[in-house]
Amino acid sequence: MNWLRILLLFVPSAIIAELMHAPPIAVFLLSAAAIIPLSGLLGQATEELAGHTGPTIGGLLNATLGNLAELIIATLALRAGHLDLVKASITGSILGNLLLVLGAAQLAGGLRHKVQRFNPQLAGMSVSLLVISVVGMVVPALFHATHPDPGRIRSVQLSAYVAGFLIVGYLLSLLYSMGTHRAVFGEGGHVAEGESGPSWSLTRSLLTLGAAAATIGLLSEFLVGSVEVATGSLGLSEVFVGLIVVPIIGNAAEHSTAVMMAMRNRMDLAVNIAIGSSAQVSLLIAPLLVFFGLAMGKPMDLAFQPMEVVSIILAVSVASAVVRDAESNWLEGAFLLLAYGILGTLFFFF
């Protein structure tokens, strides 16, 4: 990914812009551009580290650190009190993975290969993960809508319990796919681990991982600090930025990996990246943010806006229908992208 290396030039540019007190819109755009290559570097370091730990622990590392950049951004936004931005980023990440990433992968792969097939067991588990994700979002939203709670105190309490159950569900899915039924899933993991040995030393992998995460944290501070003024200057709502911009920034490198895997006719991996990342956000990242919020004195519940809940239900329904037969083609990918475009337009005017 040579283009990612070139984008690393935005890192010092963003730091200089912040130190020079440049206009918030410049700080926002430079920080956003700089986080993209750093998230790619974070992913590469994770892959190299996984090569030193073996397939089981490596798969767990990939699953756990797959959305670290996005978690850092959301945590800092939560600390700054941008609850709408945080919730929108959760929704946007789920929509982006299910519709944009999976759609782009199916379209690119389908244009090169007429029909692509993937593991039926993977398809079945993916649908199950998506369904429990919807349950975890719908229940708090229904509770908040039917129980007057101006201070959202009861909604936060309920969300904490729901978050605990969702994390248990995520851990059980890891045990199933990487433990008891590992052989059934074949390639497993987020990327093609096992194709070759690690090219980085263990020390280099750990240092790169730490440096990339620390720099993402610094730039995320700049991003969050300038988001309010910058979005106003761009004429965008905080919800739209969270839904569209933040997920693309945090997962750009992972998205390109899914497309490349599909073009190589490795749809197991492409589907695992898209569906797995979406499940990770809903079953792990969102629940963790609930607990982080309580710890920081910035309580956040899982009662999303009705439009966000409906959009996720629609996305899950469409994605489930597409993956259920364990086959894909370019037309299905195009339809997923169209659905993403429709929902993106909706939230632009929302």
Protein backbone atom coordinates (compact mmCIF):
# COMPACT_ATOMS: atom_id res chain seq x y z
CA MET A 1 0.00 0.00 0.00
CA ASN A 2 2.41 2.65 -1.23
CA TRP A 3 -0.36 5.25 -1.29
CA LEU A 4 -0.66 4.89 2.48
CA ARG A 5 3.03 5.65 2.90
CA ILE A 6 2.62 8.86 0.89
CA LEU A 7 -0.31 9.91 3.07
CA LEU A 8 1.96 9.71 6.13
CA LEU A 9 3.18 13.17 5.07
CA PHE A 10 -0.09 14.50 6.49
CA VAL A 11 1.00 13.49 10.02
CA PRO A 12 3.62 16.25 10.53
CA SER A 13 1.41 18.64 8.57
CA ALA A 14 -1.48 18.10 11.00
CA ILE A 15 0.78 18.52 14.04
CA ILE A 16 2.27 21.74 12.66
CA ALA A 17 -1.20 23.06 11.84
CA GLU A 18 -2.34 22.43 15.43
CA LEU A 19 0.78 24.02 16.94
CA MET A 20 0.45 27.05 14.63
CA HIS A 21 -3.23 27.44 15.60
CA ALA A 22 -4.36 27.08 12.02
CA PRO A 23 -8.09 27.40 11.20
CA PRO A 24 -10.08 24.50 12.69
CA ILE A 25 -11.17 23.31 9.26
CA ALA A 26 -7.51 22.90 8.21
CA VAL A 27 -6.68 21.01 11.41
CA PHE A 28 -9.73 18.79 10.94
CA LEU A 29 -8.97 17.90 7.31
CA LEU A 30 -5.24 17.34 7.88
CA SER A 31 -5.86 15.21 10.98
CA ALA A 32 -8.47 13.14 9.15
CA ALA A 33 -6.10 12.55 6.23
CA ALA A 34 -3.25 11.63 8.59
CA ILE A 35 -5.26 9.04 10.54
CA ILE A 36 -5.98 7.03 7.37
CA PRO A 37 -2.37 5.84 6.75
CA LEU A 38 -1.80 5.40 10.48
CA SER A 39 -4.78 3.04 10.73
CA GLY A 40 -3.28 1.11 7.82
CA LEU A 41 0.07 0.95 9.62
CA LEU A 42 -1.72 -0.17 12.77
CA GLY A 43 -3.37 -2.97 10.82
CA GLN A 44 -0.10 -4.06 9.24
CA ALA A 45 1.65 -4.10 12.61
CA THR A 46 -1.19 -6.21 14.00
CA GLU A 47 -0.84 -8.67 11.12
CA GLU A 48 2.92 -8.93 11.62
CA LEU A 49 2.45 -9.44 15.35
CA ALA A 50 -0.14 -12.13 14.62
CA GLY A 51 2.50 -13.95 12.56
CA HIS A 52 4.62 -14.33 15.69
CA THR A 53 1.82 -15.56 17.96
CA GLY A 54 0.27 -18.42 15.98
CA PRO A 55 -3.11 -18.62 14.24
CA THR A 56 -5.39 -18.71 17.28
CA ILE A 57 -3.90 -15.79 19.20
CA GLY A 58 -3.21 -14.05 15.89
CA GLY A 59 -6.86 -14.27 14.95
CA LEU A 60 -7.81 -12.88 18.36
CA LEU A 61 -5.37 -9.98 17.90
CA ASN A 62 -6.82 -9.19 14.48
CA ALA A 63 -10.35 -9.28 15.86
CA THR A 64 -9.51 -7.23 18.95
CA LEU A 65 -7.37 -4.54 17.29
CA GLY A 66 -9.26 -4.38 14.00
CA ASN A 67 -11.15 -1.22 14.98
CA LEU A 68 -8.65 0.29 17.41
CA ALA A 69 -8.33 3.56 15.49
CA GLU A 70 -12.08 4.03 15.48
CA LEU A 71 -12.29 3.17 19.19
CA ILE A 72 -9.67 5.81 20.00
CA ILE A 73 -11.53 8.49 18.03
CA ALA A 74 -14.87 7.58 19.60
CA THR A 75 -13.43 7.49 23.14
CA LEU A 76 -11.93 10.96 22.81
CA ALA A 77 -15.13 12.30 21.27
CA LEU A 78 -17.07 10.77 24.17
CA ARG A 79 -14.74 12.41 26.68
CA ALA A 80 -15.32 15.75 24.93
CA GLY A 81 -19.08 15.27 25.25
CA HIS A 82 -19.88 14.71 21.57
CA LEU A 83 -22.42 11.95 22.23
CA ASP A 84 -24.23 12.42 18.92
CA LEU A 85 -20.94 12.09 17.05
CA VAL A 86 -20.04 8.91 18.94
CA LYS A 87 -23.39 7.24 18.37
CA ALA A 88 -23.39 8.29 14.72
CA SER A 89 -19.89 6.82 14.27
CA ILE A 90 -21.14 3.48 15.63
CA THR A 91 -24.09 3.51 13.24
CA GLY A 92 -21.92 4.67 10.36
CA SER A 93 -19.33 1.95 10.93
CA ILE A 94 -22.00 -0.76 10.88
CA LEU A 95 -23.61 0.68 7.74
CA GLY A 96 -20.24 1.23 6.07
CA ASN A 97 -19.04 -2.32 6.62
CA LEU A 98 -22.32 -4.00 5.67
CA LEU A 99 -23.10 -1.91 2.61
CA LEU A 100 -20.04 0.04 1.42
CA VAL A 101 -17.25 -2.45 2.13
CA LEU A 102 -19.17 -5.65 1.36
CA GLY A 103 -20.74 -4.00 -1.69
CA ALA A 104 -17.41 -2.74 -3.05
CA ALA A 105 -15.83 -6.16 -2.47
CA GLN A 106 -18.64 -8.02 -4.22
CA LEU A 107 -18.67 -5.56 -7.11
CA ALA A 108 -14.90 -5.64 -7.63
CA GLY A 109 -14.69 -9.41 -7.20
CA GLY A 110 -17.76 -10.05 -9.33
CA LEU A 111 -16.42 -8.03 -12.25
CA ARG A 112 -13.34 -10.28 -12.31
CA HIS A 113 -15.03 -13.57 -11.35
CA LYS A 114 -18.55 -14.34 -12.57
CA VAL A 115 -19.79 -16.04 -9.38
CA GLN A 116 -17.91 -16.14 -6.08
CA ARG A 117 -18.65 -18.60 -3.30
CA PHE A 118 -17.72 -18.55 0.35
CA ASN A 119 -18.05 -20.80 3.37
CA PRO A 120 -21.74 -21.54 4.21
CA GLN A 121 -20.78 -21.81 7.89
CA LEU A 122 -19.34 -18.29 7.68
CA ALA A 123 -22.56 -17.08 6.07
CA GLY A 124 -24.67 -18.69 8.78
CA MET A 125 -22.65 -17.27 11.66
CA SER A 126 -22.56 -13.84 9.99
CA VAL A 127 -26.35 -13.70 9.84
CA SER A 128 -26.57 -14.77 13.51
CA LEU A 129 -24.12 -12.05 14.58
CA LEU A 130 -26.04 -9.42 12.64
CA VAL A 131 -29.34 -10.46 14.22
CA ILE A 132 -28.01 -10.24 17.79
CA SER A 133 -26.48 -6.87 16.90
CA VAL A 134 -29.91 -5.57 15.90
CA VAL A 135 -31.44 -6.89 19.13
CA GLY A 136 -28.79 -5.04 21.14
CA MET A 137 -29.67 -1.75 19.43
CA VAL A 138 -33.44 -2.10 19.16
CA VAL A 139 -34.15 -3.02 22.80
CA PRO A 140 -32.60 0.13 24.39
CA ALA A 141 -34.22 2.32 21.72
CA LEU A 142 -37.66 0.78 22.35
CA PHE A 143 -37.21 1.15 26.11
CA HIS A 144 -36.28 4.83 25.79
CA ALA A 145 -39.19 5.49 23.42
CA THR A 146 -41.78 3.83 25.68
CA HIS A 147 -40.48 4.97 29.09
CA PRO A 148 -40.27 8.74 29.71
CA ASP A 149 -36.73 9.31 30.92
CA PRO A 150 -35.62 12.93 30.36
CA GLY A 151 -32.31 12.37 32.15
CA ARG A 152 -31.77 9.04 30.33
CA ILE A 153 -30.73 7.55 33.69
CA ARG A 154 -32.74 4.35 33.30
CA SER A 155 -31.68 4.07 29.65
CA VAL A 156 -28.02 4.20 30.68
CA GLN A 157 -28.60 1.55 33.36
CA LEU A 158 -30.35 -0.74 30.88
CA SER A 159 -27.65 -0.13 28.28
CA ALA A 160 -24.95 -1.18 30.73
CA TYR A 161 -26.61 -4.56 31.20
CA VAL A 162 -27.23 -4.94 27.46
CA ALA A 163 -23.60 -4.01 26.80
CA GLY A 164 -22.46 -6.79 29.11
CA PHE A 165 -24.59 -9.35 27.27
CA LEU A 166 -23.31 -8.14 23.88
CA ILE A 167 -19.68 -8.52 24.97
CA VAL A 168 -20.43 -12.05 26.15
CA GLY A 169 -21.96 -12.76 22.74
CA TYR A 170 -18.87 -11.43 21.00
CA LEU A 171 -16.55 -13.55 23.13
CA LEU A 172 -18.68 -16.63 22.42
CA SER A 173 -18.44 -15.95 18.67
CA LEU A 174 -14.64 -15.83 18.98
CA LEU A 175 -14.64 -19.10 20.93
CA TYR A 176 -16.82 -20.68 18.24
CA SER A 177 -14.89 -19.48 15.19
CA MET A 178 -11.36 -19.69 16.61
CA GLY A 179 -11.79 -22.54 19.06
CA THR A 180 -14.47 -25.23 18.95
CA HIS A 181 -15.20 -24.87 15.19
CA ARG A 182 -11.93 -23.43 13.92
CA ALA A 183 -11.45 -26.18 11.31
CA VAL A 184 -14.87 -25.46 9.79
CA PHE A 185 -13.94 -21.87 8.99
CA GLY A 186 -10.78 -22.68 7.06
CA GLU A 187 -8.91 -19.45 6.48
CA GLY A 188 -10.49 -17.55 9.40
CA GLY A 189 -9.23 -14.20 10.64
CA HIS A 190 -9.42 -10.73 9.16
CA VAL A 191 -6.76 -11.14 6.54
CA ALA A 192 -4.84 -13.90 4.99
CA GLU A 193 -2.70 -14.83 7.89
CA GLY A 194 -0.65 -17.92 7.21
CA GLU A 195 0.18 -17.03 3.58
CA SER A 196 3.79 -16.40 4.60
CA GLY A 197 5.80 -15.84 7.73
CA PRO A 198 6.09 -12.40 9.33
CA SER A 199 8.49 -10.02 7.61
CA TRP A 200 8.90 -7.82 10.69
CA SER A 201 10.60 -8.79 13.94
CA LEU A 202 8.51 -9.04 17.09
CA THR A 203 10.17 -5.90 18.49
CA ARG A 204 9.46 -3.89 15.34
CA SER A 205 5.84 -5.07 15.31
CA LEU A 206 5.27 -4.04 18.93
CA LEU A 207 7.02 -0.67 18.55
CA THR A 208 5.11 0.15 15.35
CA LEU A 209 1.83 -0.87 16.95
CA GLY A 210 2.47 1.34 19.98
CA ALA A 211 3.73 4.31 17.96
CA ALA A 212 0.81 4.15 15.51
CA ALA A 213 -1.77 3.91 18.32
CA ALA A 214 -0.17 6.81 20.23
CA THR A 215 -0.03 9.03 17.14
CA ILE A 216 -3.64 8.18 16.26
CA GLY A 217 -4.56 9.23 19.80
CA LEU A 218 -2.79 12.56 19.38
CA LEU A 219 -4.34 13.28 16.00
CA SER A 220 -7.75 12.18 17.27
CA GLU A 221 -7.45 14.87 19.94
CA PHE A 222 -6.89 17.43 17.16
CA LEU A 223 -9.77 15.98 15.12
CA VAL A 224 -12.26 16.02 17.99
CA GLY A 225 -11.14 19.44 19.15
CA SER A 226 -11.82 20.98 15.75
CA VAL A 227 -14.87 18.97 14.71
CA GLU A 228 -17.54 21.39 15.94
CA VAL A 229 -16.20 24.47 14.15
CA ALA A 230 -15.02 22.50 11.10
CA THR A 231 -18.37 20.81 10.49
CA GLY A 232 -20.07 24.18 10.69
CA SER A 233 -17.65 25.62 8.13
CA LEU A 234 -18.22 22.67 5.80
CA GLY A 235 -21.99 22.88 6.20
CA LEU A 236 -22.17 19.34 7.59
CA SER A 237 -23.97 18.09 10.67
CA GLU A 238 -22.14 16.31 13.45
CA VAL A 239 -24.33 13.27 12.79
CA PHE A 240 -23.29 13.12 9.12
CA VAL A 241 -19.61 13.43 10.02
CA GLY A 242 -19.98 10.59 12.50
CA LEU A 243 -21.94 8.43 10.09
CA ILE A 244 -19.82 8.87 6.99
CA VAL A 245 -16.47 10.58 7.64
CA VAL A 246 -15.25 8.98 10.89
CA PRO A 247 -15.88 5.33 9.85
CA ILE A 248 -14.15 5.84 6.49
CA ILE A 249 -11.16 7.50 8.20
CA GLY A 250 -10.78 4.77 10.81
CA ASN A 251 -11.22 1.80 8.48
CA ALA A 252 -9.91 2.93 5.08
CA ALA A 253 -7.01 0.47 5.00
CA GLU A 254 -9.16 -2.44 6.15
CA HIS A 255 -11.75 -1.57 3.50
CA SER A 256 -9.16 -1.69 0.72
CA THR A 257 -7.98 -5.09 2.00
CA ALA A 258 -11.50 -6.52 1.64
CA VAL A 259 -11.70 -5.35 -1.96
CA MET A 260 -8.28 -6.78 -2.81
CA MET A 261 -9.18 -10.14 -1.26
CA ALA A 262 -12.39 -10.26 -3.31
CA MET A 263 -10.49 -9.52 -6.51
CA ARG A 264 -8.21 -12.46 -5.69
CA ASN A 265 -11.35 -14.63 -5.38
CA ARG A 266 -10.94 -14.98 -1.61
CA MET A 267 -14.48 -14.08 -0.63
CA ASP A 268 -14.23 -15.91 2.71
CA LEU A 269 -11.76 -13.27 3.84
CA ALA A 270 -13.59 -10.36 2.22
CA VAL A 271 -16.89 -11.31 3.86
CA ASN A 272 -15.14 -11.93 7.18
CA ILE A 273 -13.59 -8.45 7.09
CA ALA A 274 -16.88 -6.70 6.30
CA ILE A 275 -19.28 -8.69 8.48
CA GLY A 276 -16.71 -9.36 11.21
CA SER A 277 -15.80 -5.69 11.55
CA SER A 278 -19.47 -4.70 11.70
CA ALA A 279 -20.17 -7.34 14.36
CA GLN A 280 -17.13 -6.18 16.32
CA VAL A 281 -18.39 -2.60 16.38
CA SER A 282 -21.89 -3.54 17.54
CA LEU A 283 -20.93 -6.34 19.96
CA LEU A 284 -17.66 -4.99 21.36
CA ILE A 285 -16.86 -1.36 20.50
CA ALA A 286 -20.30 0.10 21.30
CA PRO A 287 -20.59 -1.79 24.62
CA LEU A 288 -17.06 -0.76 25.62
CA LEU A 289 -17.96 2.88 24.95
CA VAL A 290 -20.92 2.53 27.32
CA PHE A 291 -18.57 1.42 30.10
CA PHE A 292 -15.93 4.02 29.16
CA GLY A 293 -18.59 6.72 29.37
CA LEU A 294 -19.60 5.63 32.86
CA ALA A 295 -15.95 5.62 33.95
CA MET A 296 -15.34 9.11 32.53
CA GLY A 297 -18.54 10.61 33.93
CA LYS A 298 -19.97 10.95 30.41
CA PRO A 299 -22.78 8.37 30.51
CA MET A 300 -23.84 7.09 27.10
CA ASP A 301 -26.72 4.74 26.41
CA LEU A 302 -27.43 2.48 23.43
CA ALA A 303 -30.77 4.18 22.70
CA PHE A 304 -29.99 5.41 19.19
CA GLN A 305 -32.22 7.74 17.21
CA PRO A 306 -35.15 6.00 15.46
CA MET A 307 -33.71 6.82 12.03
CA GLU A 308 -30.38 5.23 12.97
CA VAL A 309 -32.06 2.10 14.29
CA VAL A 310 -34.23 1.77 11.17
CA SER A 311 -31.22 2.26 8.89
CA ILE A 312 -29.30 -0.50 10.69
CA ILE A 313 -32.28 -2.85 10.48
CA LEU A 314 -32.49 -2.18 6.74
CA ALA A 315 -28.74 -2.67 6.26
CA VAL A 316 -28.73 -5.92 8.24
CA SER A 317 -31.73 -7.19 6.30
CA VAL A 318 -30.11 -6.45 2.94
CA ALA A 319 -26.70 -7.83 3.93
CA SER A 320 -28.25 -10.99 5.42
CA ALA A 321 -30.18 -11.61 2.23
CA VAL A 322 -27.01 -11.22 0.19
CA VAL A 323 -24.76 -13.54 2.23
CA ARG A 324 -27.34 -16.18 3.17
CA ASP A 325 -26.81 -18.25 -0.02
CA ALA A 326 -22.99 -18.14 0.39
CA GLU A 327 -22.62 -16.78 -3.17
CA SER A 328 -22.01 -13.32 -4.56
CA ASN A 329 -21.84 -11.49 -7.87
CA TRP A 330 -21.26 -7.96 -9.09
CA LEU A 331 -24.96 -7.07 -9.20
CA GLU A 332 -25.44 -7.81 -5.51
CA GLY A 333 -22.44 -5.60 -4.77
CA ALA A 334 -23.87 -2.79 -6.87
CA PHE A 335 -27.19 -3.00 -5.02
CA LEU A 336 -25.43 -2.81 -1.64
CA LEU A 337 -23.59 0.32 -2.79
CA LEU A 338 -26.84 1.86 -3.99
CA ALA A 339 -28.41 1.17 -0.61
CA TYR A 340 -25.44 2.86 1.10
CA GLY A 341 -25.80 5.85 -1.21
CA ILE A 342 -29.50 6.16 -0.38
CA LEU A 343 -28.90 6.04 3.37
CA GLY A 344 -25.93 8.41 3.09
CA THR A 345 -28.12 10.92 1.24
CA LEU A 346 -30.80 10.53 3.89
CA PHE A 347 -28.40 11.45 6.70
CA PHE A 348 -26.92 14.33 4.68
CA PHE A 349 -30.36 15.98 4.78
CA PHE A 350 -31.24 14.63 8.25
